[in-house]
Amino acid sequence: MKISADRFRCFGTPSRFGTLELKSRMHECVQNGEAGIEAADTRKRAEGRRMMEKVYRTMRNTGAANIAVGIIMIVAGLGAGIVAIVSGAVLLKRKAELTF
């Protein structure tokens, strides 16, 4: 999205600003209450972007946690399977010694 200076009444005559300068001036306008409806809309869009960033960050962290839990479950399952196989092998080895 292209941000232009003419959207804000507090700028006076529109001129070309660098992105950082424009954001800084926009912030000043909003803080001083000089900005029009366009600045409020821009602020709402910025808040919406921040909210979406939070959502995506939460989804990323949840996905990473799910992968970690899955890996742990795979390792635990393999460990339990190996223990079961070894225990069965010991029982088969001592088959003759077992009496019921």
PDB file of N, CA and C in Angstrom:
ATOM      1  N   MET A   1       0.840  -1.164   0.000  1.00  0.00           N
ATOM      2  CA  MET A   1       0.000   0.000   0.000  1.00  0.00           C
ATOM      3  C   MET A   1       0.887   1.229   0.000  1.00  0.00           C
ATOM      4  N   LYS A   2       0.588   2.170  -0.848  1.00  0.00           N
ATOM      5  CA  LYS A   2       1.377   3.384  -0.946  1.00  0.00           C
ATOM      6  C   LYS A   2       0.779   4.450  -0.035  1.00  0.00           C
ATOM      7  N   ILE A   3       1.620   5.029   0.807  1.00  0.00           N
ATOM      8  CA  ILE A   3       1.176   6.069   1.716  1.00  0.00           C
ATOM      9  C   ILE A   3       1.525   7.411   1.090  1.00  0.00           C
ATOM     10  N   SER A   4       0.558   8.293   0.980  1.00  0.00           N
ATOM     11  CA  SER A   4       0.841   9.597   0.392  1.00  0.00           C
ATOM     12  C   SER A   4       0.540  10.688   1.402  1.00  0.00           C
ATOM     13  N   ALA A   5       1.310  11.777   1.315  1.00  0.00           N
ATOM     14  CA  ALA A   5       1.194  12.865   2.275  1.00  0.00           C
ATOM     15  C   ALA A   5      -0.099  13.649   2.106  1.00  0.00           C
ATOM     16  N   ASP A   6      -0.697  13.646   0.926  1.00  0.00           N
ATOM     17  CA  ASP A   6      -1.882  14.457   0.712  1.00  0.00           C
ATOM     18  C   ASP A   6      -3.121  13.888   1.407  1.00  0.00           C
ATOM     19  N   ARG A   7      -3.020  12.727   2.018  1.00  0.00           N
ATOM     20  CA  ARG A   7      -4.145  12.147   2.748  1.00  0.00           C
ATOM     21  C   ARG A   7      -4.313  12.779   4.118  1.00  0.00           C
ATOM     22  N   PHE A   8      -3.350  13.555   4.563  1.00  0.00           N
ATOM     23  CA  PHE A   8      -3.384  14.130   5.891  1.00  0.00           C
ATOM     24  C   PHE A   8      -3.442  15.652   5.800  1.00  0.00           C
ATOM     25  N   ARG A   9      -4.433  16.243   6.439  1.00  0.00           N
ATOM     26  CA  ARG A   9      -4.593  17.689   6.379  1.00  0.00           C
ATOM     27  C   ARG A   9      -3.482  18.410   7.125  1.00  0.00           C
ATOM     28  N   CYS A  10      -2.876  17.804   8.110  1.00  0.00           N
ATOM     29  CA  CYS A  10      -1.892  18.486   8.932  1.00  0.00           C
ATOM     30  C   CYS A  10      -0.560  18.682   8.204  1.00  0.00           C
ATOM     31  N   PHE A  11      -0.391  18.092   7.045  1.00  0.00           N
ATOM     32  CA  PHE A  11       0.866  18.238   6.319  1.00  0.00           C
ATOM     33  C   PHE A  11       0.965  19.589   5.598  1.00  0.00           C
ATOM     34  N   GLY A  12      -0.154  20.246   5.410  1.00  0.00           N
ATOM     35  CA  GLY A  12      -0.114  21.478   4.630  1.00  0.00           C
ATOM     36  C   GLY A  12      -0.031  21.105   3.166  1.00  0.00           C
ATOM     37  N   THR A  13       0.965  21.606   2.461  1.00  0.00           N
ATOM     38  CA  THR A  13       1.108  21.269   1.049  1.00  0.00           C
ATOM     39  C   THR A  13       1.712  19.882   0.917  1.00  0.00           C
ATOM     40  N   PRO A  14       1.129  19.058   0.083  1.00  0.00           N
ATOM     41  CA  PRO A  14       1.667  17.715  -0.082  1.00  0.00           C
ATOM     42  C   PRO A  14       3.065  17.751  -0.701  1.00  0.00           C
ATOM     43  N   SER A  15       3.913  16.968  -0.168  1.00  0.00           N
ATOM     44  CA  SER A  15       5.251  16.836  -0.736  1.00  0.00           C
ATOM     45  C   SER A  15       5.669  15.382  -0.587  1.00  0.00           C
ATOM     46  N   ARG A  16       6.776  15.055  -1.156  1.00  0.00           N
ATOM     47  CA  ARG A  16       7.249  13.667  -1.086  1.00  0.00           C
ATOM     48  C   ARG A  16       8.079  13.473   0.179  1.00  0.00           C
ATOM     49  N   PHE A  17       7.700  12.468   0.934  1.00  0.00           N
ATOM     50  CA  PHE A  17       8.425  12.119   2.143  1.00  0.00           C
ATOM     51  C   PHE A  17       8.973  10.716   1.979  1.00  0.00           C
ATOM     52  N   GLY A  18      10.052  10.431   2.675  1.00  0.00           N
ATOM     53  CA  GLY A  18      10.505   9.051   2.770  1.00  0.00           C
ATOM     54  C   GLY A  18       9.521   8.305   3.654  1.00  0.00           C
ATOM     55  N   THR A  19       9.490   7.015   3.569  1.00  0.00           N
ATOM     56  CA  THR A  19       8.528   6.227   4.336  1.00  0.00           C
ATOM     57  C   THR A  19       8.677   6.480   5.828  1.00  0.00           C
ATOM     58  N   LEU A  20       9.904   6.526   6.316  1.00  0.00           N
ATOM     59  CA  LEU A  20      10.132   6.745   7.739  1.00  0.00           C
ATOM     60  C   LEU A  20       9.671   8.141   8.152  1.00  0.00           C
ATOM     61  N   GLU A  21       9.994   9.140   7.338  1.00  0.00           N
ATOM     62  CA  GLU A  21       9.563  10.507   7.643  1.00  0.00           C
ATOM     63  C   GLU A  21       8.046  10.611   7.632  1.00  0.00           C
ATOM     64  N   LEU A  22       7.413   9.960   6.671  1.00  0.00           N
ATOM     65  CA  LEU A  22       5.961  10.009   6.562  1.00  0.00           C
ATOM     66  C   LEU A  22       5.305   9.375   7.780  1.00  0.00           C
ATOM     67  N   LYS A  23       5.810   8.220   8.187  1.00  0.00           N
ATOM     68  CA  LYS A  23       5.244   7.553   9.358  1.00  0.00           C
ATOM     69  C   LYS A  23       5.433   8.403  10.604  1.00  0.00           C
ATOM     70  N   SER A  24       6.600   9.035  10.725  1.00  0.00           N
ATOM     71  CA  SER A  24       6.871   9.883  11.871  1.00  0.00           C
ATOM     72  C   SER A  24       5.919  11.072  11.883  1.00  0.00           C
ATOM     73  N   ARG A  25       5.752  11.717  10.740  1.00  0.00           N
ATOM     74  CA  ARG A  25       4.862  12.877  10.650  1.00  0.00           C
ATOM     75  C   ARG A  25       3.414  12.462  10.874  1.00  0.00           C
ATOM     76  N   MET A  26       3.034  11.306  10.355  1.00  0.00           N
ATOM     77  CA  MET A  26       1.682  10.811  10.546  1.00  0.00           C
ATOM     78  C   MET A  26       1.423  10.593  12.033  1.00  0.00           C
ATOM     79  N   HIS A  27       2.395  10.011  12.720  1.00  0.00           N
ATOM     80  CA  HIS A  27       2.260   9.768  14.154  1.00  0.00           C
ATOM     81  C   HIS A  27       2.095  11.090  14.904  1.00  0.00           C
ATOM     82  N   GLU A  28       2.889  12.104  14.529  1.00  0.00           N
ATOM     83  CA  GLU A  28       2.774  13.417  15.149  1.00  0.00           C
ATOM     84  C   GLU A  28       1.389  14.014  14.925  1.00  0.00           C
ATOM     85  N   CYS A  29       0.870  13.888  13.712  1.00  0.00           N
ATOM     86  CA  CYS A  29      -0.457  14.428  13.402  1.00  0.00           C
ATOM     87  C   CYS A  29      -1.521  13.770  14.256  1.00  0.00           C
ATOM     88  N   VAL A  30      -1.443  12.468  14.388  1.00  0.00           N
ATOM     89  CA  VAL A  30      -2.442  11.737  15.156  1.00  0.00           C
ATOM     90  C   VAL A  30      -2.334  12.111  16.636  1.00  0.00           C
ATOM     91  N   GLN A  31      -1.102  12.217  17.152  1.00  0.00           N
ATOM     92  CA  GLN A  31      -0.900  12.580  18.554  1.00  0.00           C
ATOM     93  C   GLN A  31      -1.424  13.976  18.856  1.00  0.00           C
ATOM     94  N   ASN A  32      -1.244  14.910  17.929  1.00  0.00           N
ATOM     95  CA  ASN A  32      -1.667  16.289  18.136  1.00  0.00           C
ATOM     96  C   ASN A  32      -3.141  16.519  17.812  1.00  0.00           C
ATOM     97  N   GLY A  33      -3.820  15.500  17.314  1.00  0.00           N
ATOM     98  CA  GLY A  33      -5.221  15.627  16.974  1.00  0.00           C
ATOM     99  C   GLY A  33      -5.448  16.443  15.715  1.00  0.00           C
ATOM    100  N   GLU A  34      -4.434  16.605  14.891  1.00  0.00           N
ATOM    101  CA  GLU A  34      -4.537  17.418  13.687  1.00  0.00           C
ATOM    102  C   GLU A  34      -4.982  16.606  12.477  1.00  0.00           C
ATOM    103  N   ALA A  35      -4.924  15.329  12.580  1.00  0.00           N
ATOM    104  CA  ALA A  35      -5.194  14.481  11.420  1.00  0.00           C
ATOM    105  C   ALA A  35      -6.692  14.348  11.198  1.00  0.00           C
ATOM    106  N   GLY A  36      -7.050  14.158   9.954  1.00  0.00           N
ATOM    107  CA  GLY A  36      -8.451  14.001   9.602  1.00  0.00           C
ATOM    108  C   GLY A  36      -8.885  12.560   9.697  1.00  0.00           C
ATOM    109  N   ILE A  37     -10.005  12.264   9.083  1.00  0.00           N
ATOM    110  CA  ILE A  37     -10.577  10.917   9.093  1.00  0.00           C
ATOM    111  C   ILE A  37      -9.613   9.934   8.447  1.00  0.00           C
ATOM    112  N   GLU A  38      -8.883  10.389   7.432  1.00  0.00           N
ATOM    113  CA  GLU A  38      -7.969   9.495   6.732  1.00  0.00           C
ATOM    114  C   GLU A  38      -6.912   8.946   7.680  1.00  0.00           C
ATOM    115  N   ALA A  39      -6.420   9.797   8.590  1.00  0.00           N
ATOM    116  CA  ALA A  39      -5.412   9.339   9.543  1.00  0.00           C
ATOM    117  C   ALA A  39      -6.001   8.308  10.490  1.00  0.00           C
ATOM    118  N   ALA A  40      -7.257   8.508  10.902  1.00  0.00           N
ATOM    119  CA  ALA A  40      -7.912   7.537  11.777  1.00  0.00           C
ATOM    120  C   ALA A  40      -8.075   6.206  11.051  1.00  0.00           C
ATOM    121  N   ASP A  41      -8.436   6.270   9.753  1.00  0.00           N
ATOM    122  CA  ASP A  41      -8.546   5.044   8.968  1.00  0.00           C
ATOM    123  C   ASP A  41      -7.200   4.349   8.867  1.00  0.00           C
ATOM    124  N   THR A  42      -6.155   5.136   8.647  1.00  0.00           N
ATOM    125  CA  THR A  42      -4.812   4.563   8.545  1.00  0.00           C
ATOM    126  C   THR A  42      -4.420   3.928   9.869  1.00  0.00           C
ATOM    127  N   ARG A  43      -4.767   4.585  10.967  1.00  0.00           N
ATOM    128  CA  ARG A  43      -4.450   4.034  12.285  1.00  0.00           C
ATOM    129  C   ARG A  43      -5.196   2.721  12.509  1.00  0.00           C
ATOM    130  N   LYS A  44      -6.466   2.669  12.094  1.00  0.00           N
ATOM    131  CA  LYS A  44      -7.242   1.436  12.236  1.00  0.00           C
ATOM    132  C   LYS A  44      -6.637   0.308  11.410  1.00  0.00           C
ATOM    133  N   ARG A  45      -6.198   0.652  10.189  1.00  0.00           N
ATOM    134  CA  ARG A  45      -5.561  -0.371   9.355  1.00  0.00           C
ATOM    135  C   ARG A  45      -4.270  -0.855   9.992  1.00  0.00           C
ATOM    136  N   ALA A  46      -3.500   0.064  10.583  1.00  0.00           N
ATOM    137  CA  ALA A  46      -2.253  -0.321  11.245  1.00  0.00           C
ATOM    138  C   ALA A  46      -2.547  -1.220  12.439  1.00  0.00           C
ATOM    139  N   GLU A  47      -3.604  -0.893  13.197  1.00  0.00           N
ATOM    140  CA  GLU A  47      -3.988  -1.739  14.321  1.00  0.00           C
ATOM    141  C   GLU A  47      -4.430  -3.112  13.834  1.00  0.00           C
ATOM    142  N   GLY A  48      -5.139  -3.145  12.708  1.00  0.00           N
ATOM    143  CA  GLY A  48      -5.559  -4.423  12.124  1.00  0.00           C
ATOM    144  C   GLY A  48      -4.366  -5.256  11.699  1.00  0.00           C
ATOM    145  N   ARG A  49      -3.350  -4.600  11.111  1.00  0.00           N
ATOM    146  CA  ARG A  49      -2.135  -5.325  10.715  1.00  0.00           C
ATOM    147  C   ARG A  49      -1.420  -5.882  11.930  1.00  0.00           C
ATOM    148  N   ARG A  50      -1.348  -5.077  13.005  1.00  0.00           N
ATOM    149  CA  ARG A  50      -0.693  -5.563  14.220  1.00  0.00           C
ATOM    150  C   ARG A  50      -1.444  -6.757  14.787  1.00  0.00           C
ATOM    151  N   MET A  51      -2.777  -6.703  14.730  1.00  0.00           N
ATOM    152  CA  MET A  51      -3.571  -7.809  15.234  1.00  0.00           C
ATOM    153  C   MET A  51      -3.334  -9.068  14.403  1.00  0.00           C
ATOM    154  N   MET A  52      -3.272  -8.896  13.077  1.00  0.00           N
ATOM    155  CA  MET A  52      -3.008 -10.045  12.206  1.00  0.00           C
ATOM    156  C   MET A  52      -1.615 -10.601  12.462  1.00  0.00           C
ATOM    157  N   GLU A  53      -0.647  -9.720  12.722  1.00  0.00           N
ATOM    158  CA  GLU A  53       0.699 -10.196  13.040  1.00  0.00           C
ATOM    159  C   GLU A  53       0.674 -11.023  14.312  1.00  0.00           C
ATOM    160  N   LYS A  54      -0.107 -10.603  15.301  1.00  0.00           N
ATOM    161  CA  LYS A  54      -0.230 -11.368  16.537  1.00  0.00           C
ATOM    162  C   LYS A  54      -0.858 -12.727  16.262  1.00  0.00           C
ATOM    163  N   VAL A  55      -1.883 -12.738  15.410  1.00  0.00           N
ATOM    164  CA  VAL A  55      -2.552 -14.001  15.071  1.00  0.00           C
ATOM    165  C   VAL A  55      -1.577 -14.948  14.384  1.00  0.00           C
ATOM    166  N   TYR A  56      -0.831 -14.428  13.391  1.00  0.00           N
ATOM    167  CA  TYR A  56       0.126 -15.270  12.683  1.00  0.00           C
ATOM    168  C   TYR A  56       1.244 -15.742  13.606  1.00  0.00           C
ATOM    169  N   ARG A  57       1.678 -14.884  14.525  1.00  0.00           N
ATOM    170  CA  ARG A  57       2.716 -15.282  15.475  1.00  0.00           C
ATOM    171  C   ARG A  57       2.203 -16.394  16.382  1.00  0.00           C
ATOM    172  N   THR A  58       0.944 -16.265  16.830  1.00  0.00           N
ATOM    173  CA  THR A  58       0.345 -17.301  17.668  1.00  0.00           C
ATOM    174  C   THR A  58       0.211 -18.609  16.899  1.00  0.00           C
ATOM    175  N   MET A  59      -0.219 -18.515  15.638  1.00  0.00           N
ATOM    176  CA  MET A  59      -0.352 -19.725  14.822  1.00  0.00           C
ATOM    177  C   MET A  59       1.012 -20.384  14.600  1.00  0.00           C
ATOM    178  N   ARG A  60       2.047 -19.562  14.371  1.00  0.00           N
ATOM    179  CA  ARG A  60       3.394 -20.101  14.168  1.00  0.00           C
ATOM    180  C   ARG A  60       3.870 -20.828  15.423  1.00  0.00           C
ATOM    181  N   ASN A  61       3.676 -20.194  16.587  1.00  0.00           N
ATOM    182  CA  ASN A  61       4.109 -20.817  17.838  1.00  0.00           C
ATOM    183  C   ASN A  61       3.330 -22.090  18.132  1.00  0.00           C
ATOM    184  N   THR A  62       2.041 -22.085  17.826  1.00  0.00           N
ATOM    185  CA  THR A  62       1.225 -23.281  18.038  1.00  0.00           C
ATOM    186  C   THR A  62       1.684 -24.412  17.123  1.00  0.00           C
ATOM    187  N   GLY A  63       1.973 -24.086  15.869  1.00  0.00           N
ATOM    188  CA  GLY A  63       2.475 -25.094  14.938  1.00  0.00           C
ATOM    189  C   GLY A  63       3.797 -25.677  15.388  1.00  0.00           C
ATOM    190  N   ALA A  64       4.701 -24.821  15.862  1.00  0.00           N
ATOM    191  CA  ALA A  64       6.001 -25.292  16.344  1.00  0.00           C
ATOM    192  C   ALA A  64       5.821 -26.193  17.567  1.00  0.00           C
ATOM    193  N   ALA A  65       4.916 -25.819  18.470  1.00  0.00           N
ATOM    194  CA  ALA A  65       4.658 -26.649  19.650  1.00  0.00           C
ATOM    195  C   ALA A  65       4.072 -28.005  19.250  1.00  0.00           C
ATOM    196  N   ASN A  66       3.168 -28.003  18.272  1.00  0.00           N
ATOM    197  CA  ASN A  66       2.578 -29.262  17.816  1.00  0.00           C
ATOM    198  C   ASN A  66       3.629 -30.175  17.186  1.00  0.00           C
ATOM    199  N   ILE A  67       4.539 -29.607  16.418  1.00  0.00           N
ATOM    200  CA  ILE A  67       5.612 -30.412  15.827  1.00  0.00           C
ATOM    201  C   ILE A  67       6.493 -30.992  16.925  1.00  0.00           C
ATOM    202  N   ALA A  68       6.826 -30.172  17.942  1.00  0.00           N
ATOM    203  CA  ALA A  68       7.662 -30.657  19.044  1.00  0.00           C
ATOM    204  C   ALA A  68       6.972 -31.788  19.801  1.00  0.00           C
ATOM    205  N   VAL A  69       5.682 -31.628  20.089  1.00  0.00           N
ATOM    206  CA  VAL A  69       4.938 -32.679  20.791  1.00  0.00           C
ATOM    207  C   VAL A  69       4.874 -33.942  19.934  1.00  0.00           C
ATOM    208  N   GLY A  70       4.680 -33.788  18.627  1.00  0.00           N
ATOM    209  CA  GLY A  70       4.653 -34.948  17.731  1.00  0.00           C
ATOM    210  C   GLY A  70       5.973 -35.706  17.738  1.00  0.00           C
ATOM    211  N   ILE A  71       7.075 -34.977  17.700  1.00  0.00           N
ATOM    212  CA  ILE A  71       8.395 -35.628  17.733  1.00  0.00           C
ATOM    213  C   ILE A  71       8.590 -36.367  19.046  1.00  0.00           C
ATOM    214  N   ILE A  72       8.188 -35.725  20.150  1.00  0.00           N
ATOM    215  CA  ILE A  72       8.307 -36.374  21.465  1.00  0.00           C
ATOM    216  C   ILE A  72       7.467 -37.641  21.509  1.00  0.00           C
ATOM    217  N   MET A  73       6.246 -37.601  20.949  1.00  0.00           N
ATOM    218  CA  MET A  73       5.390 -38.792  20.950  1.00  0.00           C
ATOM    219  C   MET A  73       5.983 -39.915  20.096  1.00  0.00           C
ATOM    220  N   ILE A  74       6.596 -39.553  18.966  1.00  0.00           N
ATOM    221  CA  ILE A  74       7.230 -40.566  18.117  1.00  0.00           C
ATOM    222  C   ILE A  74       8.372 -41.237  18.863  1.00  0.00           C
ATOM    223  N   VAL A  75       9.207 -40.439  19.525  1.00  0.00           N
ATOM    224  CA  VAL A  75      10.338 -40.991  20.279  1.00  0.00           C
ATOM    225  C   VAL A  75       9.837 -41.867  21.418  1.00  0.00           C
ATOM    226  N   ALA A  76       8.803 -41.408  22.137  1.00  0.00           N
ATOM    227  CA  ALA A  76       8.255 -42.210  23.238  1.00  0.00           C
ATOM    228  C   ALA A  76       7.654 -43.515  22.713  1.00  0.00           C
ATOM    229  N   GLY A  77       6.962 -43.456  21.572  1.00  0.00           N
ATOM    230  CA  GLY A  77       6.390 -44.663  20.983  1.00  0.00           C
ATOM    231  C   GLY A  77       7.456 -45.655  20.554  1.00  0.00           C
ATOM    232  N   LEU A  78       8.514 -45.137  19.942  1.00  0.00           N
ATOM    233  CA  LEU A  78       9.615 -46.035  19.559  1.00  0.00           C
ATOM    234  C   LEU A  78      10.262 -46.664  20.784  1.00  0.00           C
ATOM    235  N   GLY A  79      10.449 -45.857  21.826  1.00  0.00           N
ATOM    236  CA  GLY A  79      11.040 -46.390  23.060  1.00  0.00           C
ATOM    237  C   GLY A  79      10.177 -47.486  23.660  1.00  0.00           C
ATOM    238  N   ALA A  80       8.858 -47.256  23.729  1.00  0.00           N
ATOM    239  CA  ALA A  80       7.944 -48.267  24.285  1.00  0.00           C
ATOM    240  C   ALA A  80       7.951 -49.526  23.420  1.00  0.00           C
ATOM    241  N   GLY A  81       7.997 -49.356  22.098  1.00  0.00           N
ATOM    242  CA  GLY A  81       8.037 -50.514  21.206  1.00  0.00           C
ATOM    243  C   GLY A  81       9.311 -51.328  21.379  1.00  0.00           C
ATOM    244  N   ILE A  82      10.441 -50.650  21.509  1.00  0.00           N
ATOM    245  CA  ILE A  82      11.722 -51.362  21.699  1.00  0.00           C
ATOM    246  C   ILE A  82      11.716 -52.115  23.016  1.00  0.00           C
ATOM    247  N   VAL A  83      11.200 -51.470  24.083  1.00  0.00           N
ATOM    248  CA  VAL A  83      11.124 -52.149  25.389  1.00  0.00           C
ATOM    249  C   VAL A  83      10.224 -53.371  25.293  1.00  0.00           C
ATOM    250  N   ALA A  84       9.105 -53.286  24.585  1.00  0.00           N
ATOM    251  CA  ALA A  84       8.186 -54.418  24.438  1.00  0.00           C
ATOM    252  C   ALA A  84       8.855 -55.559  23.672  1.00  0.00           C
ATOM    253  N   ILE A  85       9.577 -55.240  22.615  1.00  0.00           N
ATOM    254  CA  ILE A  85      10.265 -56.273  21.823  1.00  0.00           C
ATOM    255  C   ILE A  85      11.347 -56.957  22.653  1.00  0.00           C
ATOM    256  N   VAL A  86      12.118 -56.170  23.394  1.00  0.00           N
ATOM    257  CA  VAL A  86      13.182 -56.753  24.223  1.00  0.00           C
ATOM    258  C   VAL A  86      12.575 -57.631  25.305  1.00  0.00           C
ATOM    259  N   SER A  87      11.494 -57.176  25.943  1.00  0.00           N
ATOM    260  CA  SER A  87      10.842 -57.986  26.980  1.00  0.00           C
ATOM    261  C   SER A  87      10.304 -59.292  26.395  1.00  0.00           C
ATOM    262  N   GLY A  88       9.713 -59.220  25.208  1.00  0.00           N
ATOM    263  CA  GLY A  88       9.226 -60.438  24.550  1.00  0.00           C
ATOM    264  C   GLY A  88      10.351 -61.387  24.207  1.00  0.00           C
ATOM    265  N   ALA A  89      11.486 -60.845  23.776  1.00  0.00           N
ATOM    266  CA  ALA A  89      12.632 -61.696  23.449  1.00  0.00           C
ATOM    267  C   ALA A  89      13.160 -62.401  24.698  1.00  0.00           C
ATOM    268  N   VAL A  90      13.183 -61.682  25.823  1.00  0.00           N
ATOM    269  CA  VAL A  90      13.633 -62.293  27.087  1.00  0.00           C
ATOM    270  C   VAL A  90      12.676 -63.404  27.493  1.00  0.00           C
ATOM    271  N   LEU A  91      11.381 -63.167  27.339  1.00  0.00           N
ATOM    272  CA  LEU A  91      10.403 -64.217  27.677  1.00  0.00           C
ATOM    273  C   LEU A  91      10.576 -65.444  26.780  1.00  0.00           C
ATOM    274  N   LEU A  92      10.793 -65.225  25.489  1.00  0.00           N
ATOM    275  CA  LEU A  92      10.991 -66.366  24.582  1.00  0.00           C
ATOM    276  C   LEU A  92      12.273 -67.121  24.914  1.00  0.00           C
ATOM    277  N   LYS A  93      13.303 -66.398  25.327  1.00  0.00           N
ATOM    278  CA  LYS A  93      14.577 -67.033  25.664  1.00  0.00           C
ATOM    279  C   LYS A  93      14.423 -67.931  26.889  1.00  0.00           C
ATOM    280  N   ARG A  94      13.619 -67.478  27.861  1.00  0.00           N
ATOM    281  CA  ARG A  94      13.436 -68.245  29.099  1.00  0.00           C
ATOM    282  C   ARG A  94      12.142 -69.054  29.084  1.00  0.00           C
ATOM    283  N   LYS A  95      11.692 -69.417  27.930  1.00  0.00           N
ATOM    284  CA  LYS A  95      10.436 -70.141  27.765  1.00  0.00           C
ATOM    285  C   LYS A  95      10.455 -71.483  28.507  1.00  0.00           C
ATOM    286  N   ALA A  96      11.565 -72.149  28.451  1.00  0.00           N
ATOM    287  CA  ALA A  96      11.655 -73.470  29.070  1.00  0.00           C
ATOM    288  C   ALA A  96      11.614 -73.360  30.585  1.00  0.00           C
ATOM    289  N   GLU A  97      12.079 -72.238  31.146  1.00  0.00           N
ATOM    290  CA  GLU A  97      12.130 -72.080  32.588  1.00  0.00           C
ATOM    291  C   GLU A  97      10.778 -71.676  33.187  1.00  0.00           C
ATOM    292  N   LEU A  98       9.851 -71.268  32.352  1.00  0.00           N
ATOM    293  CA  LEU A  98       8.566 -70.807  32.862  1.00  0.00           C
ATOM    294  C   LEU A  98       7.605 -71.975  33.071  1.00  0.00           C
ATOM    295  N   THR A  99       7.006 -72.006  34.223  1.00  0.00           N
ATOM    296  CA  THR A  99       5.994 -73.023  34.497  1.00  0.00           C
ATOM    297  C   THR A  99       4.758 -72.324  35.061  1.00  0.00           C
ATOM    298  N   PHE A 100       3.613 -72.847  34.708  1.00  0.00           N
ATOM    299  CA  PHE A 100       2.361 -72.262  35.187  1.00  0.00           C
ATOM    300  C   PHE A 100       1.672 -73.201  36.107  1.00  0.00           C
TER     301      PHE A 100
END
